[in-house]
Amino acid sequence: MSNTNQQSEWQKRERGALWKKQGQSQNYLTGVIKSLDDMGQEVKSKIIVFANKNKQDGDNKPDFIIYESKELNQ
């Protein structure tokens, strides 16, 4: 398989991207998730991801929690 085909396959499977941010009390991720609507059109949703502060060793709780991002009124 050539590099071009492999890159094209990865591009087809891409669903978004995340960026690391430093907050006052914890680090977090912001990003965009891509999906398709009922008409097959690409929709991008802004998200924010925080570490789960309720996570304890050995439990089944998720390590991170994803939230829909909302614009702050400035």
C-alpha atoms as a PDB file:
ATOM      1  CA  MET A   1       0.000   0.000   0.000  1.00  0.00           C
ATOM      2  CA  SER A   2       1.466   3.364  -0.932  1.00  0.00           C
ATOM      3  CA  ASN A   3       1.763   6.320   1.409  1.00  0.00           C
ATOM      4  CA  THR A   4      -0.832   8.265  -0.586  1.00  0.00           C
ATOM      5  CA  ASN A   5      -3.487   5.539  -0.202  1.00  0.00           C
ATOM      6  CA  GLN A   6      -2.729   5.115   3.492  1.00  0.00           C
ATOM      7  CA  GLN A   7      -2.966   8.855   4.114  1.00  0.00           C
ATOM      8  CA  SER A   8      -6.229   8.996   2.189  1.00  0.00           C
ATOM      9  CA  GLU A   9      -7.646   6.156   4.325  1.00  0.00           C
ATOM     10  CA  TRP A  10      -6.687   7.970   7.529  1.00  0.00           C
ATOM     11  CA  GLN A  11      -8.230  11.180   6.204  1.00  0.00           C
ATOM     12  CA  LYS A  12     -11.494   9.330   5.530  1.00  0.00           C
ATOM     13  CA  ARG A  13     -11.538   8.014   9.110  1.00  0.00           C
ATOM     14  CA  GLU A  14     -10.711  11.340  10.793  1.00  0.00           C
ATOM     15  CA  ARG A  15     -13.482  12.505  13.143  1.00  0.00           C
ATOM     16  CA  GLY A  16     -12.005  15.631  14.674  1.00  0.00           C
ATOM     17  CA  ALA A  17      -9.092  17.139  16.550  1.00  0.00           C
ATOM     18  CA  LEU A  18      -8.173  18.235  20.088  1.00  0.00           C
ATOM     19  CA  TRP A  19      -5.899  20.915  21.503  1.00  0.00           C
ATOM     20  CA  LYS A  20      -4.326  20.958  24.994  1.00  0.00           C
ATOM     21  CA  LYS A  21      -5.141  24.007  27.127  1.00  0.00           C
ATOM     22  CA  GLN A  22      -4.013  25.163  30.557  1.00  0.00           C
ATOM     23  CA  GLY A  23      -6.764  26.282  32.908  1.00  0.00           C
ATOM     24  CA  GLN A  24      -6.525  27.954  36.302  1.00  0.00           C
ATOM     25  CA  SER A  25      -7.385  24.781  38.205  1.00  0.00           C
ATOM     26  CA  GLN A  26      -6.687  21.975  35.694  1.00  0.00           C
ATOM     27  CA  ASN A  27      -5.548  21.233  32.175  1.00  0.00           C
ATOM     28  CA  TYR A  28      -8.179  20.350  29.593  1.00  0.00           C
ATOM     29  CA  LEU A  29      -8.716  19.714  25.875  1.00  0.00           C
ATOM     30  CA  THR A  30     -10.784  21.673  23.376  1.00  0.00           C
ATOM     31  CA  GLY A  31     -11.644  20.555  19.907  1.00  0.00           C
ATOM     32  CA  VAL A  32     -14.049  19.715  17.154  1.00  0.00           C
ATOM     33  CA  ILE A  33     -15.871  16.461  16.415  1.00  0.00           C
ATOM     34  CA  LYS A  34     -17.155  15.897  12.887  1.00  0.00           C
ATOM     35  CA  SER A  35     -20.317  13.899  12.172  1.00  0.00           C
ATOM     36  CA  LEU A  36     -22.960  13.609   9.460  1.00  0.00           C
ATOM     37  CA  ASP A  37     -26.489  14.962   9.789  1.00  0.00           C
ATOM     38  CA  ASP A  38     -29.616  13.216   8.456  1.00  0.00           C
ATOM     39  CA  MET A  39     -28.967  14.680   4.996  1.00  0.00           C
ATOM     40  CA  GLY A  40     -25.379  13.403   4.884  1.00  0.00           C
ATOM     41  CA  GLN A  41     -23.875  16.863   5.388  1.00  0.00           C
ATOM     42  CA  GLU A  42     -20.829  17.245   7.631  1.00  0.00           C
ATOM     43  CA  VAL A  43     -21.549  18.923  10.968  1.00  0.00           C
ATOM     44  CA  LYS A  44     -18.807  20.140  13.297  1.00  0.00           C
ATOM     45  CA  SER A  45     -19.469  20.277  17.051  1.00  0.00           C
ATOM     46  CA  LYS A  46     -17.155  22.132  19.418  1.00  0.00           C
ATOM     47  CA  ILE A  47     -16.261  20.134  22.517  1.00  0.00           C
ATOM     48  CA  ILE A  48     -14.340  20.518  25.754  1.00  0.00           C
ATOM     49  CA  VAL A  49     -12.799  17.577  27.641  1.00  0.00           C
ATOM     50  CA  PHE A  50     -11.950  17.429  31.344  1.00  0.00           C
ATOM     51  CA  ALA A  51     -10.318  14.725  33.441  1.00  0.00           C
ATOM     52  CA  ASN A  52     -12.874  12.948  35.630  1.00  0.00           C
ATOM     53  CA  LYS A  53     -12.171  14.194  39.156  1.00  0.00           C
ATOM     54  CA  ASN A  54     -14.336  11.392  40.592  1.00  0.00           C
ATOM     55  CA  LYS A  55     -12.159   8.651  39.067  1.00  0.00           C
ATOM     56  CA  GLN A  56     -10.510   6.316  41.552  1.00  0.00           C
ATOM     57  CA  ASP A  57      -8.007   3.540  40.882  1.00  0.00           C
ATOM     58  CA  GLY A  58      -9.709   0.290  39.961  1.00  0.00           C
ATOM     59  CA  ASP A  59     -13.179   1.652  39.217  1.00  0.00           C
ATOM     60  CA  ASN A  60     -14.981   1.600  35.884  1.00  0.00           C
ATOM     61  CA  LYS A  61     -15.583   5.343  35.670  1.00  0.00           C
ATOM     62  CA  PRO A  62     -14.229   7.092  32.566  1.00  0.00           C
ATOM     63  CA  ASP A  63     -10.880   8.882  32.712  1.00  0.00           C
ATOM     64  CA  PHE A  64     -12.198  11.880  30.768  1.00  0.00           C
ATOM     65  CA  ILE A  65     -15.618  13.434  30.229  1.00  0.00           C
ATOM     66  CA  ILE A  66     -16.606  15.198  26.980  1.00  0.00           C
ATOM     67  CA  TYR A  67     -18.956  18.191  27.003  1.00  0.00           C
ATOM     68  CA  GLU A  68     -20.465  20.273  24.225  1.00  0.00           C
ATOM     69  CA  SER A  69     -18.664  23.618  24.267  1.00  0.00           C
ATOM     70  CA  LYS A  70     -20.705  26.807  24.518  1.00  0.00           C
ATOM     71  CA  GLU A  71     -19.456  30.278  23.649  1.00  0.00           C
ATOM     72  CA  LEU A  72     -19.005  32.566  26.630  1.00  0.00           C
ATOM     73  CA  ASN A  73     -20.774  35.930  26.429  1.00  0.00           C
ATOM     74  CA  GLN A  74     -18.140  38.646  26.426  1.00  0.00           C
END
